[in-house]
């Protein structure tokens, strides 16, 4: 997967019939999977919460799309 901007991620994933599925514990990684009969479960994106170094333990989210 390649890292993309928030705007690019939602431009691609937003119109699709998807549901984020959380993997593991905090900070969260979510796999965005298609819903529906023919593509059910296919991963079309990933979002990852990342710690911001030196910012009081806050996180930001990075977004990824398949190559």
PDB file of N, CA and C in Angstrom:
ATOM      1  N   UNK A   1       0.844  -1.183   0.000  1.00  0.00           N
ATOM      2  CA  UNK A   1       0.000   0.000   0.000  1.00  0.00           C
ATOM      3  C   UNK A   1       0.886   1.242   0.000  1.00  0.00           C
ATOM      4  N   UNK A   2       0.349   2.306  -0.549  1.00  0.00           N
ATOM      5  CA  UNK A   2       1.107   3.557  -0.600  1.00  0.00           C
ATOM      6  C   UNK A   2       0.400   4.609   0.250  1.00  0.00           C
ATOM      7  N   UNK A   3       1.193   5.437   0.893  1.00  0.00           N
ATOM      8  CA  UNK A   3       0.654   6.501   1.738  1.00  0.00           C
ATOM      9  C   UNK A   3       0.066   7.589   0.846  1.00  0.00           C
ATOM     10  N   UNK A   4      -1.126   8.087   1.219  1.00  0.00           N
ATOM     11  CA  UNK A   4      -1.811   9.137   0.457  1.00  0.00           C
ATOM     12  C   UNK A   4      -2.315  10.205   1.410  1.00  0.00           C
ATOM     13  N   UNK A   5      -2.778  11.299   0.850  1.00  0.00           N
ATOM     14  CA  UNK A   5      -3.360  12.359   1.668  1.00  0.00           C
ATOM     15  C   UNK A   5      -4.763  11.946   2.116  1.00  0.00           C
ATOM     16  N   UNK A   6      -5.251  12.627   3.132  1.00  0.00           N
ATOM     17  CA  UNK A   6      -6.607  12.390   3.614  1.00  0.00           C
ATOM     18  C   UNK A   6      -7.615  12.611   2.493  1.00  0.00           C
ATOM     19  N   UNK A   7      -7.427  13.666   1.726  1.00  0.00           N
ATOM     20  CA  UNK A   7      -8.347  14.006   0.650  1.00  0.00           C
ATOM     21  C   UNK A   7      -8.381  12.914  -0.411  1.00  0.00           C
ATOM     22  N   UNK A   8      -7.200  12.426  -0.817  1.00  0.00           N
ATOM     23  CA  UNK A   8      -7.140  11.375  -1.838  1.00  0.00           C
ATOM     24  C   UNK A   8      -7.798  10.094  -1.329  1.00  0.00           C
ATOM     25  N   UNK A   9      -7.549   9.759  -0.063  1.00  0.00           N
ATOM     26  CA  UNK A   9      -8.127   8.554   0.524  1.00  0.00           C
ATOM     27  C   UNK A   9      -9.651   8.597   0.460  1.00  0.00           C
ATOM     28  N   UNK A  10     -10.233   9.675   0.952  1.00  0.00           N
ATOM     29  CA  UNK A  10     -11.697   9.761   0.994  1.00  0.00           C
ATOM     30  C   UNK A  10     -12.312   9.969  -0.380  1.00  0.00           C
ATOM     31  N   UNK A  11     -11.561  10.537  -1.310  1.00  0.00           N
ATOM     32  CA  UNK A  11     -12.053  10.666  -2.680  1.00  0.00           C
ATOM     33  C   UNK A  11     -12.224   9.274  -3.309  1.00  0.00           C
ATOM     34  N   UNK A  12     -11.295   8.355  -3.006  1.00  0.00           N
ATOM     35  CA  UNK A  12     -11.359   6.990  -3.547  1.00  0.00           C
ATOM     36  C   UNK A  12     -12.308   6.099  -2.748  1.00  0.00           C
ATOM     37  N   UNK A  13     -12.218   6.139  -1.426  1.00  0.00           N
ATOM     38  CA  UNK A  13     -12.942   5.209  -0.567  1.00  0.00           C
ATOM     39  C   UNK A  13     -14.352   5.705  -0.240  1.00  0.00           C
ATOM     40  N   UNK A  14     -14.521   7.009  -0.153  1.00  0.00           N
ATOM     41  CA  UNK A  14     -15.793   7.589   0.268  1.00  0.00           C
ATOM     42  C   UNK A  14     -17.019   7.118  -0.494  1.00  0.00           C
ATOM     43  N   UNK A  15     -16.967   7.048  -1.833  1.00  0.00           N
ATOM     44  CA  UNK A  15     -18.157   6.646  -2.588  1.00  0.00           C
ATOM     45  C   UNK A  15     -18.451   5.142  -2.534  1.00  0.00           C
ATOM     46  N   UNK A  16     -17.513   4.344  -2.021  1.00  0.00           N
ATOM     47  CA  UNK A  16     -17.677   2.888  -2.006  1.00  0.00           C
ATOM     48  C   UNK A  16     -18.501   2.424  -0.819  1.00  0.00           C
ATOM     49  N   UNK A  17     -19.064   1.235  -0.939  1.00  0.00           N
ATOM     50  CA  UNK A  17     -19.809   0.608   0.147  1.00  0.00           C
ATOM     51  C   UNK A  17     -18.796  -0.133   1.017  1.00  0.00           C
ATOM     52  N   UNK A  18     -18.197   0.594   1.966  1.00  0.00           N
ATOM     53  CA  UNK A  18     -17.119   0.045   2.788  1.00  0.00           C
ATOM     54  C   UNK A  18     -17.443   0.162   4.273  1.00  0.00           C
ATOM     55  N   UNK A  19     -16.684  -0.591   5.054  1.00  0.00           N
ATOM     56  CA  UNK A  19     -16.798  -0.522   6.508  1.00  0.00           C
ATOM     57  C   UNK A  19     -15.398  -0.670   7.083  1.00  0.00           C
ATOM     58  N   UNK A  20     -14.968   0.247   7.980  1.00  0.00           N
ATOM     59  CA  UNK A  20     -13.646   0.086   8.599  1.00  0.00           C
ATOM     60  C   UNK A  20     -13.695  -1.013   9.653  1.00  0.00           C
ATOM     61  N   UNK A  21     -12.687  -1.858   9.652  1.00  0.00           N
ATOM     62  CA  UNK A  21     -12.579  -2.934  10.641  1.00  0.00           C
ATOM     63  C   UNK A  21     -11.290  -2.717  11.424  1.00  0.00           C
ATOM     64  N   UNK A  22     -11.412  -2.480  12.737  1.00  0.00           N
ATOM     65  CA  UNK A  22     -10.257  -2.193  13.586  1.00  0.00           C
ATOM     66  C   UNK A  22      -9.439  -3.455  13.800  1.00  0.00           C
ATOM     67  N   UNK A  23      -8.122  -3.292  13.682  1.00  0.00           N
ATOM     68  CA  UNK A  23      -7.171  -4.374  13.900  1.00  0.00           C
ATOM     69  C   UNK A  23      -6.326  -4.038  15.123  1.00  0.00           C
ATOM     70  N   UNK A  24      -6.278  -4.917  16.114  1.00  0.00           N
ATOM     71  CA  UNK A  24      -5.432  -4.702  17.284  1.00  0.00           C
ATOM     72  C   UNK A  24      -6.001  -3.685  18.247  1.00  0.00           C
ATOM     73  N   UNK A  25      -5.123  -3.222  19.149  1.00  0.00           N
ATOM     74  CA  UNK A  25      -5.532  -2.259  20.168  1.00  0.00           C
ATOM     75  C   UNK A  25      -4.953  -0.886  19.842  1.00  0.00           C
ATOM     76  N   UNK A  26      -5.261   0.085  20.703  1.00  0.00           N
ATOM     77  CA  UNK A  26      -4.858   1.469  20.464  1.00  0.00           C
ATOM     78  C   UNK A  26      -3.347   1.600  20.476  1.00  0.00           C
ATOM     79  N   UNK A  27      -2.724   2.367  19.603  1.00  0.00           N
ATOM     80  CA  UNK A  27      -3.312   3.176  18.541  1.00  0.00           C
ATOM     81  C   UNK A  27      -3.826   2.274  17.414  1.00  0.00           C
ATOM     82  N   UNK A  28      -4.979   2.612  16.896  1.00  0.00           N
ATOM     83  CA  UNK A  28      -5.700   1.720  16.004  1.00  0.00           C
ATOM     84  C   UNK A  28      -5.206   1.748  14.560  1.00  0.00           C
ATOM     85  N   UNK A  29      -5.333   0.593  13.929  1.00  0.00           N
ATOM     86  CA  UNK A  29      -5.206   0.449  12.492  1.00  0.00           C
ATOM     87  C   UNK A  29      -6.549  -0.069  12.015  1.00  0.00           C
ATOM     88  N   UNK A  30      -7.101   0.558  10.997  1.00  0.00           N
ATOM     89  CA  UNK A  30      -8.384   0.115  10.445  1.00  0.00           C
ATOM     90  C   UNK A  30      -8.192  -0.308   8.998  1.00  0.00           C
ATOM     91  N   UNK A  31      -8.717  -1.485   8.677  1.00  0.00           N
ATOM     92  CA  UNK A  31      -8.766  -1.941   7.296  1.00  0.00           C
ATOM     93  C   UNK A  31     -10.145  -1.602   6.766  1.00  0.00           C
ATOM     94  N   UNK A  32     -10.198  -0.903   5.648  1.00  0.00           N
ATOM     95  CA  UNK A  32     -11.462  -0.491   5.038  1.00  0.00           C
ATOM     96  C   UNK A  32     -11.818  -1.544   3.998  1.00  0.00           C
ATOM     97  N   UNK A  33     -12.893  -2.307   4.303  1.00  0.00           N
ATOM     98  CA  UNK A  33     -13.267  -3.444   3.472  1.00  0.00           C
ATOM     99  C   UNK A  33     -14.593  -3.194   2.764  1.00  0.00           C
ATOM    100  N   UNK A  34     -14.662  -3.691   1.514  1.00  0.00           N
ATOM    101  CA  UNK A  34     -15.891  -3.595   0.744  1.00  0.00           C
ATOM    102  C   UNK A  34     -16.958  -4.509   1.317  1.00  0.00           C
ATOM    103  N   UNK A  35     -18.184  -4.029   1.279  1.00  0.00           N
ATOM    104  CA  UNK A  35     -19.346  -4.835   1.640  1.00  0.00           C
ATOM    105  C   UNK A  35     -20.090  -5.162   0.356  1.00  0.00           C
ATOM    106  N   UNK A  36     -20.737  -6.273   0.314  1.00  0.00           N
ATOM    107  CA  UNK A  36     -21.497  -6.672  -0.870  1.00  0.00           C
ATOM    108  C   UNK A  36     -21.119  -8.076  -1.287  1.00  0.00           C
ATOM    109  N   UNK A  37     -21.925  -8.649  -2.133  1.00  0.00           N
ATOM    110  CA  UNK A  37     -21.762 -10.055  -2.489  1.00  0.00           C
ATOM    111  C   UNK A  37     -20.500 -10.346  -3.286  1.00  0.00           C
ATOM    112  N   UNK A  38     -20.223  -9.602  -4.336  1.00  0.00           N
ATOM    113  CA  UNK A  38     -19.106  -9.947  -5.213  1.00  0.00           C
ATOM    114  C   UNK A  38     -17.746  -9.563  -4.652  1.00  0.00           C
ATOM    115  N   UNK A  39     -17.658  -8.479  -3.905  1.00  0.00           N
ATOM    116  CA  UNK A  39     -16.375  -7.997  -3.388  1.00  0.00           C
ATOM    117  C   UNK A  39     -16.284  -8.060  -1.875  1.00  0.00           C
ATOM    118  N   UNK A  40     -17.166  -8.765  -1.229  1.00  0.00           N
ATOM    119  CA  UNK A  40     -17.241  -8.760   0.232  1.00  0.00           C
ATOM    120  C   UNK A  40     -15.889  -9.069   0.868  1.00  0.00           C
ATOM    121  N   UNK A  41     -15.397  -8.142   1.673  1.00  0.00           N
ATOM    122  CA  UNK A  41     -14.172  -8.341   2.428  1.00  0.00           C
ATOM    123  C   UNK A  41     -12.899  -7.873   1.752  1.00  0.00           C
ATOM    124  N   UNK A  42     -12.969  -7.431   0.500  1.00  0.00           N
ATOM    125  CA  UNK A  42     -11.753  -6.966  -0.170  1.00  0.00           C
ATOM    126  C   UNK A  42     -11.315  -5.643   0.454  1.00  0.00           C
ATOM    127  N   UNK A  43     -10.035  -5.549   0.836  1.00  0.00           N
ATOM    128  CA  UNK A  43      -9.490  -4.347   1.460  1.00  0.00           C
ATOM    129  C   UNK A  43      -9.201  -3.306   0.379  1.00  0.00           C
ATOM    130  N   UNK A  44      -9.785  -2.101   0.562  1.00  0.00           N
ATOM    131  CA  UNK A  44      -9.581  -1.022  -0.407  1.00  0.00           C
ATOM    132  C   UNK A  44      -8.851   0.166   0.199  1.00  0.00           C
ATOM    133  N   UNK A  45      -8.488   0.065   1.478  1.00  0.00           N
ATOM    134  CA  UNK A  45      -7.752   1.137   2.120  1.00  0.00           C
ATOM    135  C   UNK A  45      -7.388   0.767   3.542  1.00  0.00           C
ATOM    136  N   UNK A  46      -6.497   1.585   4.113  1.00  0.00           N
ATOM    137  CA  UNK A  46      -6.061   1.364   5.489  1.00  0.00           C
ATOM    138  C   UNK A  46      -5.810   2.716   6.127  1.00  0.00           C
ATOM    139  N   UNK A  47      -6.241   2.856   7.390  1.00  0.00           N
ATOM    140  CA  UNK A  47      -5.921   4.066   8.156  1.00  0.00           C
ATOM    141  C   UNK A  47      -5.203   3.629   9.426  1.00  0.00           C
ATOM    142  N   UNK A  48      -4.171   4.399   9.782  1.00  0.00           N
ATOM    143  CA  UNK A  48      -3.307   4.038  10.905  1.00  0.00           C
ATOM    144  C   UNK A  48      -3.144   5.251  11.812  1.00  0.00           C
ATOM    145  N   UNK A  49      -3.462   5.084  13.107  1.00  0.00           N
ATOM    146  CA  UNK A  49      -3.200   6.139  14.086  1.00  0.00           C
ATOM    147  C   UNK A  49      -1.726   6.075  14.463  1.00  0.00           C
ATOM    148  N   UNK A  50      -1.056   7.223  14.435  1.00  0.00           N
ATOM    149  CA  UNK A  50       0.381   7.312  14.685  1.00  0.00           C
ATOM    150  C   UNK A  50       0.632   8.346  15.774  1.00  0.00           C
ATOM    151  N   UNK A  51       1.497   7.995  16.721  1.00  0.00           N
ATOM    152  CA  UNK A  51       1.865   8.949  17.774  1.00  0.00           C
ATOM    153  C   UNK A  51       2.654  10.106  17.186  1.00  0.00           C
ATOM    154  N   UNK A  52       2.311  11.335  17.602  1.00  0.00           N
ATOM    155  CA  UNK A  52       3.083  12.521  17.238  1.00  0.00           C
ATOM    156  C   UNK A  52       4.175  12.694  18.276  1.00  0.00           C
ATOM    157  N   UNK A  53       5.409  12.573  17.867  1.00  0.00           N
ATOM    158  CA  UNK A  53       6.521  12.730  18.805  1.00  0.00           C
ATOM    159  C   UNK A  53       6.574  14.144  19.351  1.00  0.00           C
ATOM    160  N   UNK A  54       6.677  14.248  20.681  1.00  0.00           N
ATOM    161  CA  UNK A  54       6.827  15.549  21.320  1.00  0.00           C
ATOM    162  C   UNK A  54       5.551  16.371  21.392  1.00  0.00           C
ATOM    163  N   UNK A  55       4.395  15.763  21.167  1.00  0.00           N
ATOM    164  CA  UNK A  55       3.152  16.527  21.204  1.00  0.00           C
ATOM    165  C   UNK A  55       2.197  15.960  22.247  1.00  0.00           C
ATOM    166  N   UNK A  56       2.717  15.692  23.424  1.00  0.00           N
ATOM    167  CA  UNK A  56       1.900  15.272  24.562  1.00  0.00           C
ATOM    168  C   UNK A  56       1.109  13.992  24.324  1.00  0.00           C
ATOM    169  N   UNK A  57       1.682  13.060  23.579  1.00  0.00           N
ATOM    170  CA  UNK A  57       1.039  11.777  23.373  1.00  0.00           C
ATOM    171  C   UNK A  57      -0.151  11.790  22.434  1.00  0.00           C
ATOM    172  N   UNK A  58      -0.308  12.853  21.664  1.00  0.00           N
ATOM    173  CA  UNK A  58      -1.411  12.917  20.713  1.00  0.00           C
ATOM    174  C   UNK A  58      -1.106  12.056  19.490  1.00  0.00           C
ATOM    175  N   UNK A  59      -2.136  11.729  18.738  1.00  0.00           N
ATOM    176  CA  UNK A  59      -1.946  10.955  17.518  1.00  0.00           C
ATOM    177  C   UNK A  59      -2.516  11.706  16.319  1.00  0.00           C
ATOM    178  N   UNK A  60      -2.072  11.289  15.154  1.00  0.00           N
ATOM    179  CA  UNK A  60      -2.698  11.723  13.909  1.00  0.00           C
ATOM    180  C   UNK A  60      -2.929  10.459  13.088  1.00  0.00           C
ATOM    181  N   UNK A  61      -3.713  10.559  12.045  1.00  0.00           N
ATOM    182  CA  UNK A  61      -4.038   9.397  11.234  1.00  0.00           C
ATOM    183  C   UNK A  61      -3.352   9.506   9.880  1.00  0.00           C
ATOM    184  N   UNK A  62      -2.748   8.395   9.451  1.00  0.00           N
ATOM    185  CA  UNK A  62      -2.153   8.288   8.128  1.00  0.00           C
ATOM    186  C   UNK A  62      -3.028   7.351   7.313  1.00  0.00           C
ATOM    187  N   UNK A  63      -3.115   7.618   6.009  1.00  0.00           N
ATOM    188  CA  UNK A  63      -4.009   6.874   5.132  1.00  0.00           C
ATOM    189  C   UNK A  63      -3.221   6.200   4.018  1.00  0.00           C
ATOM    190  N   UNK A  64      -3.693   5.003   3.622  1.00  0.00           N
ATOM    191  CA  UNK A  64      -3.016   4.193   2.619  1.00  0.00           C
ATOM    192  C   UNK A  64      -4.033   3.606   1.649  1.00  0.00           C
ATOM    193  N   UNK A  65      -3.636   3.546   0.367  1.00  0.00           N
ATOM    194  CA  UNK A  65      -4.434   2.899  -0.667  1.00  0.00           C
ATOM    195  C   UNK A  65      -3.586   1.825  -1.335  1.00  0.00           C
ATOM    196  N   UNK A  66      -4.234   0.805  -1.911  1.00  0.00           N
ATOM    197  CA  UNK A  66      -3.477  -0.235  -2.611  1.00  0.00           C
ATOM    198  C   UNK A  66      -2.711   0.337  -3.800  1.00  0.00           C
ATOM    199  N   UNK A  67      -1.619  -0.303  -4.137  1.00  0.00           N
ATOM    200  CA  UNK A  67      -0.816   0.111  -5.304  1.00  0.00           C
ATOM    201  C   UNK A  67      -1.575  -0.103  -6.575  1.00  0.00           C
TER     202      UNK A  67
END
